[in-house]
Amino acid sequence: MSVFQGILLVILIVFTLVGYKLISQVPSLLHTPLMSGMNAFSGVTILGCLSATGAAVAMGSKALGILAIILAMVNIVGGFGVTDRMLRMFDKKKPAGEAK
């Protein structure tokens, strides 16, 4: 492993720990609004993945780009799914006699 790769690995580990610490300190009440904002950032991630994959020359780089696109899409779809489910918890309940 080169020095550059070692530095990148250290950066990955540090930012993973910092991100975990930040996320664990967020109160439950703020999770839904923050999730919606993060879904917007994930949309930007998709654009970056598409650009990087389109510019990739080597087949291995294209494969990693496609994997990045798939994972970012899973993140977006899952985030919107969880946000929708949480927002449905706050819908007003209809009386039993009313039709849907």
N, C-alpha and C. Protein backbone atom coordinates (compact mmCIF):
# COMPACT_ATOMS: atom_id res chain seq x y z
N MET A 1 0.87 -1.18 0.00
CA MET A 1 0.00 0.00 0.00
C MET A 1 0.91 1.23 0.00
N SER A 2 0.61 2.17 -0.87
CA SER A 2 1.41 3.38 -0.95
C SER A 2 1.02 4.35 0.17
N VAL A 3 1.82 5.37 0.33
CA VAL A 3 1.56 6.39 1.35
C VAL A 3 0.24 7.10 1.06
N PHE A 4 -0.02 7.38 -0.22
CA PHE A 4 -1.26 8.05 -0.61
C PHE A 4 -2.49 7.21 -0.24
N GLN A 5 -2.42 5.92 -0.50
CA GLN A 5 -3.53 5.04 -0.14
C GLN A 5 -3.71 4.97 1.37
N GLY A 6 -2.62 4.99 2.10
CA GLY A 6 -2.70 4.98 3.56
C GLY A 6 -3.36 6.24 4.09
N ILE A 7 -3.02 7.37 3.50
CA ILE A 7 -3.65 8.64 3.90
C ILE A 7 -5.15 8.60 3.61
N LEU A 8 -5.51 8.09 2.43
CA LEU A 8 -6.94 7.99 2.08
C LEU A 8 -7.68 7.06 3.04
N LEU A 9 -7.04 5.98 3.44
CA LEU A 9 -7.66 5.05 4.40
C LEU A 9 -7.87 5.72 5.76
N VAL A 10 -6.88 6.48 6.21
CA VAL A 10 -7.01 7.20 7.47
C VAL A 10 -8.14 8.23 7.39
N ILE A 11 -8.22 8.95 6.27
CA ILE A 11 -9.29 9.94 6.08
C ILE A 11 -10.65 9.25 6.12
N LEU A 12 -10.78 8.10 5.45
CA LEU A 12 -12.04 7.36 5.46
C LEU A 12 -12.43 6.95 6.88
N ILE A 13 -11.50 6.44 7.64
CA ILE A 13 -11.79 6.00 9.01
C ILE A 13 -12.17 7.19 9.89
N VAL A 14 -11.42 8.28 9.80
CA VAL A 14 -11.70 9.46 10.64
C VAL A 14 -13.08 10.01 10.33
N PHE A 15 -13.40 10.17 9.05
CA PHE A 15 -14.70 10.74 8.69
C PHE A 15 -15.85 9.79 9.00
N THR A 16 -15.60 8.49 8.95
CA THR A 16 -16.63 7.53 9.36
C THR A 16 -16.93 7.69 10.85
N LEU A 17 -15.91 7.81 11.66
CA LEU A 17 -16.11 7.97 13.11
C LEU A 17 -16.77 9.32 13.43
N VAL A 18 -16.34 10.37 12.76
CA VAL A 18 -16.93 11.70 12.99
C VAL A 18 -18.41 11.69 12.56
N GLY A 19 -18.71 11.09 11.42
CA GLY A 19 -20.10 11.00 10.95
C GLY A 19 -20.97 10.22 11.91
N TYR A 20 -20.45 9.11 12.42
CA TYR A 20 -21.21 8.31 13.39
C TYR A 20 -21.48 9.11 14.65
N LYS A 21 -20.48 9.83 15.12
CA LYS A 21 -20.64 10.64 16.33
C LYS A 21 -21.69 11.73 16.11
N LEU A 22 -21.65 12.40 14.94
CA LEU A 22 -22.62 13.45 14.65
C LEU A 22 -24.03 12.90 14.56
N ILE A 23 -24.20 11.80 13.85
CA ILE A 23 -25.53 11.21 13.67
C ILE A 23 -26.10 10.73 15.00
N SER A 24 -25.27 10.18 15.86
CA SER A 24 -25.78 9.66 17.13
C SER A 24 -26.22 10.78 18.08
N GLN A 25 -25.79 12.01 17.83
CA GLN A 25 -26.16 13.14 18.69
C GLN A 25 -27.43 13.86 18.23
N VAL A 26 -28.00 13.46 17.09
CA VAL A 26 -29.19 14.14 16.56
C VAL A 26 -30.42 13.65 17.32
N PRO A 27 -31.24 14.58 17.84
CA PRO A 27 -32.47 14.16 18.52
C PRO A 27 -33.45 13.50 17.54
N SER A 28 -34.28 12.61 18.05
CA SER A 28 -35.22 11.87 17.21
C SER A 28 -36.16 12.79 16.45
N LEU A 29 -36.51 13.92 17.03
CA LEU A 29 -37.45 14.85 16.41
C LEU A 29 -36.90 15.43 15.10
N LEU A 30 -35.59 15.50 14.98
CA LEU A 30 -34.98 16.11 13.79
C LEU A 30 -34.64 15.10 12.69
N HIS A 31 -34.83 13.82 12.94
CA HIS A 31 -34.41 12.82 11.95
C HIS A 31 -35.15 12.97 10.63
N THR A 32 -36.46 13.19 10.65
CA THR A 32 -37.22 13.27 9.39
C THR A 32 -36.80 14.47 8.55
N PRO A 33 -36.72 15.69 9.10
CA PRO A 33 -36.29 16.81 8.26
C PRO A 33 -34.85 16.64 7.75
N LEU A 34 -33.99 16.08 8.57
CA LEU A 34 -32.61 15.88 8.13
C LEU A 34 -32.53 14.82 7.04
N MET A 35 -33.38 13.79 7.15
CA MET A 35 -33.39 12.76 6.12
C MET A 35 -33.82 13.33 4.78
N SER A 36 -34.80 14.21 4.79
CA SER A 36 -35.25 14.82 3.55
C SER A 36 -34.14 15.64 2.92
N GLY A 37 -33.41 16.36 3.74
CA GLY A 37 -32.28 17.12 3.23
C GLY A 37 -31.18 16.22 2.69
N MET A 38 -30.93 15.12 3.36
CA MET A 38 -29.90 14.20 2.90
C MET A 38 -30.29 13.53 1.60
N ASN A 39 -31.59 13.34 1.37
CA ASN A 39 -32.02 12.78 0.09
C ASN A 39 -31.68 13.73 -1.05
N ALA A 40 -31.77 15.02 -0.79
CA ALA A 40 -31.38 15.99 -1.81
C ALA A 40 -29.89 15.89 -2.10
N PHE A 41 -29.08 15.73 -1.06
CA PHE A 41 -27.64 15.58 -1.26
C PHE A 41 -27.33 14.28 -2.00
N SER A 42 -28.12 13.25 -1.75
CA SER A 42 -27.90 11.99 -2.46
C SER A 42 -28.19 12.14 -3.94
N GLY A 43 -29.10 13.02 -4.28
CA GLY A 43 -29.35 13.31 -5.70
C GLY A 43 -28.12 13.91 -6.35
N VAL A 44 -27.41 14.75 -5.63
CA VAL A 44 -26.16 15.32 -6.15
C VAL A 44 -25.11 14.21 -6.28
N THR A 45 -25.11 13.28 -5.34
CA THR A 45 -24.19 12.14 -5.40
C THR A 45 -24.44 11.32 -6.66
N ILE A 46 -25.71 11.13 -7.01
CA ILE A 46 -26.05 10.39 -8.23
C ILE A 46 -25.45 11.09 -9.45
N LEU A 47 -25.57 12.41 -9.49
CA LEU A 47 -25.00 13.14 -10.62
C LEU A 47 -23.48 12.96 -10.70
N GLY A 48 -22.83 12.98 -9.55
CA GLY A 48 -21.38 12.76 -9.52
C GLY A 48 -21.02 11.35 -9.97
N CYS A 49 -21.80 10.37 -9.52
CA CYS A 49 -21.55 8.98 -9.93
C CYS A 49 -21.74 8.81 -11.43
N LEU A 50 -22.79 9.41 -11.97
CA LEU A 50 -23.04 9.32 -13.41
C LEU A 50 -21.91 9.97 -14.20
N SER A 51 -21.45 11.12 -13.74
CA SER A 51 -20.37 11.82 -14.44
C SER A 51 -19.07 11.02 -14.39
N ALA A 52 -18.75 10.50 -13.21
CA ALA A 52 -17.51 9.74 -13.06
C ALA A 52 -17.56 8.45 -13.87
N THR A 53 -18.72 7.79 -13.88
CA THR A 53 -18.85 6.55 -14.64
C THR A 53 -18.76 6.83 -16.14
N GLY A 54 -19.37 7.92 -16.59
CA GLY A 54 -19.31 8.27 -18.00
C GLY A 54 -17.91 8.62 -18.46
N ALA A 55 -17.11 9.18 -17.57
CA ALA A 55 -15.74 9.58 -17.93
C ALA A 55 -14.73 8.46 -17.72
N ALA A 56 -15.16 7.36 -17.10
CA ALA A 56 -14.23 6.26 -16.81
C ALA A 56 -13.78 5.59 -18.10
N VAL A 57 -12.51 5.20 -18.13
CA VAL A 57 -11.95 4.56 -19.32
C VAL A 57 -11.83 3.06 -19.09
N ALA A 58 -11.29 2.68 -17.95
CA ALA A 58 -11.06 1.27 -17.65
C ALA A 58 -12.37 0.58 -17.27
N MET A 59 -12.48 -0.69 -17.60
CA MET A 59 -13.69 -1.46 -17.32
C MET A 59 -13.92 -1.58 -15.81
N GLY A 60 -12.84 -1.73 -15.04
CA GLY A 60 -12.97 -1.83 -13.58
C GLY A 60 -13.54 -0.55 -12.99
N SER A 61 -13.11 0.59 -13.53
CA SER A 61 -13.63 1.88 -13.07
C SER A 61 -15.10 2.04 -13.41
N LYS A 62 -15.48 1.57 -14.59
CA LYS A 62 -16.90 1.63 -14.98
C LYS A 62 -17.74 0.75 -14.06
N ALA A 63 -17.23 -0.43 -13.70
CA ALA A 63 -17.96 -1.34 -12.81
C ALA A 63 -18.14 -0.70 -11.43
N LEU A 64 -17.08 -0.07 -10.92
CA LEU A 64 -17.19 0.62 -9.63
C LEU A 64 -18.16 1.79 -9.71
N GLY A 65 -18.17 2.49 -10.85
CA GLY A 65 -19.11 3.59 -11.04
C GLY A 65 -20.55 3.11 -11.06
N ILE A 66 -20.80 2.00 -11.72
CA ILE A 66 -22.15 1.43 -11.74
C ILE A 66 -22.56 1.00 -10.34
N LEU A 67 -21.64 0.40 -9.59
CA LEU A 67 -21.94 0.03 -8.21
C LEU A 67 -22.26 1.26 -7.37
N ALA A 68 -21.51 2.34 -7.58
CA ALA A 68 -21.77 3.58 -6.84
C ALA A 68 -23.15 4.14 -7.18
N ILE A 69 -23.53 4.07 -8.45
CA ILE A 69 -24.86 4.54 -8.86
C ILE A 69 -25.95 3.71 -8.18
N ILE A 70 -25.78 2.40 -8.18
CA ILE A 70 -26.78 1.52 -7.56
C ILE A 70 -26.90 1.80 -6.06
N LEU A 71 -25.78 1.93 -5.38
CA LEU A 71 -25.82 2.18 -3.93
C LEU A 71 -26.43 3.54 -3.61
N ALA A 72 -26.12 4.55 -4.41
CA ALA A 72 -26.70 5.87 -4.19
C ALA A 72 -28.21 5.84 -4.43
N MET A 73 -28.66 5.09 -5.43
CA MET A 73 -30.11 4.98 -5.69
C MET A 73 -30.81 4.24 -4.55
N VAL A 74 -30.18 3.20 -4.03
CA VAL A 74 -30.76 2.49 -2.88
C VAL A 74 -30.89 3.45 -1.70
N ASN A 75 -29.88 4.30 -1.51
CA ASN A 75 -29.91 5.28 -0.43
C ASN A 75 -31.06 6.27 -0.61
N ILE A 76 -31.26 6.75 -1.83
CA ILE A 76 -32.33 7.71 -2.09
C ILE A 76 -33.69 7.07 -1.90
N VAL A 77 -33.91 5.92 -2.52
CA VAL A 77 -35.21 5.25 -2.42
C VAL A 77 -35.52 4.87 -0.98
N GLY A 78 -34.54 4.33 -0.29
CA GLY A 78 -34.75 3.97 1.12
C GLY A 78 -35.03 5.18 1.99
N GLY A 79 -34.31 6.27 1.73
CA GLY A 79 -34.53 7.49 2.52
C GLY A 79 -35.92 8.06 2.31
N PHE A 80 -36.36 8.10 1.05
CA PHE A 80 -37.71 8.60 0.80
C PHE A 80 -38.76 7.66 1.37
N GLY A 81 -38.50 6.35 1.32
CA GLY A 81 -39.44 5.38 1.89
C GLY A 81 -39.60 5.56 3.40
N VAL A 82 -38.48 5.71 4.08
CA VAL A 82 -38.54 5.90 5.54
C VAL A 82 -39.18 7.23 5.88
N THR A 83 -38.84 8.29 5.13
CA THR A 83 -39.44 9.61 5.38
C THR A 83 -40.94 9.56 5.17
N ASP A 84 -41.40 8.90 4.09
CA ASP A 84 -42.82 8.78 3.84
C ASP A 84 -43.52 8.01 4.95
N ARG A 85 -42.91 6.95 5.41
CA ARG A 85 -43.50 6.15 6.48
C ARG A 85 -43.61 6.95 7.78
N MET A 86 -42.58 7.74 8.06
CA MET A 86 -42.62 8.56 9.28
C MET A 86 -43.67 9.66 9.17
N LEU A 87 -43.80 10.26 7.98
CA LEU A 87 -44.80 11.32 7.81
C LEU A 87 -46.22 10.76 7.87
N ARG A 88 -46.42 9.53 7.42
CA ARG A 88 -47.75 8.92 7.52
C ARG A 88 -48.16 8.67 8.97
N MET A 89 -47.19 8.60 9.86
CA MET A 89 -47.52 8.42 11.28
C MET A 89 -48.24 9.65 11.83
N PHE A 90 -48.06 10.80 11.19
CA PHE A 90 -48.67 12.03 11.68
C PHE A 90 -49.98 12.36 10.99
N ASP A 91 -50.44 11.51 10.05
CA ASP A 91 -51.74 11.73 9.41
C ASP A 91 -52.84 11.62 10.44
N LYS A 92 -53.89 12.42 10.23
CA LYS A 92 -55.03 12.34 11.13
C LYS A 92 -55.77 11.05 10.87
N LYS A 93 -56.17 10.42 11.94
CA LYS A 93 -56.94 9.18 11.83
C LYS A 93 -58.37 9.52 11.46
N LYS A 94 -58.94 8.75 10.52
CA LYS A 94 -60.32 8.95 10.12
C LYS A 94 -61.22 8.12 11.04
N PRO A 95 -62.42 8.64 11.34
CA PRO A 95 -63.34 7.84 12.15
C PRO A 95 -63.68 6.52 11.45
N ALA A 96 -64.04 5.51 12.23
CA ALA A 96 -64.26 4.17 11.71
C ALA A 96 -65.39 4.12 10.69
N GLY A 97 -66.39 5.00 10.78
CA GLY A 97 -67.55 4.98 9.89
C GLY A 97 -67.30 5.60 8.54
N GLU A 98 -66.25 6.38 8.38
CA GLU A 98 -65.99 7.08 7.12
C GLU A 98 -65.30 6.17 6.12
N ALA A 99 -65.66 6.34 4.85
CA ALA A 99 -65.01 5.58 3.79
C ALA A 99 -63.66 6.24 3.47
N LYS A 100 -62.76 5.45 2.90
CA LYS A 100 -61.44 5.98 2.58
C LYS A 100 -61.44 6.78 1.36
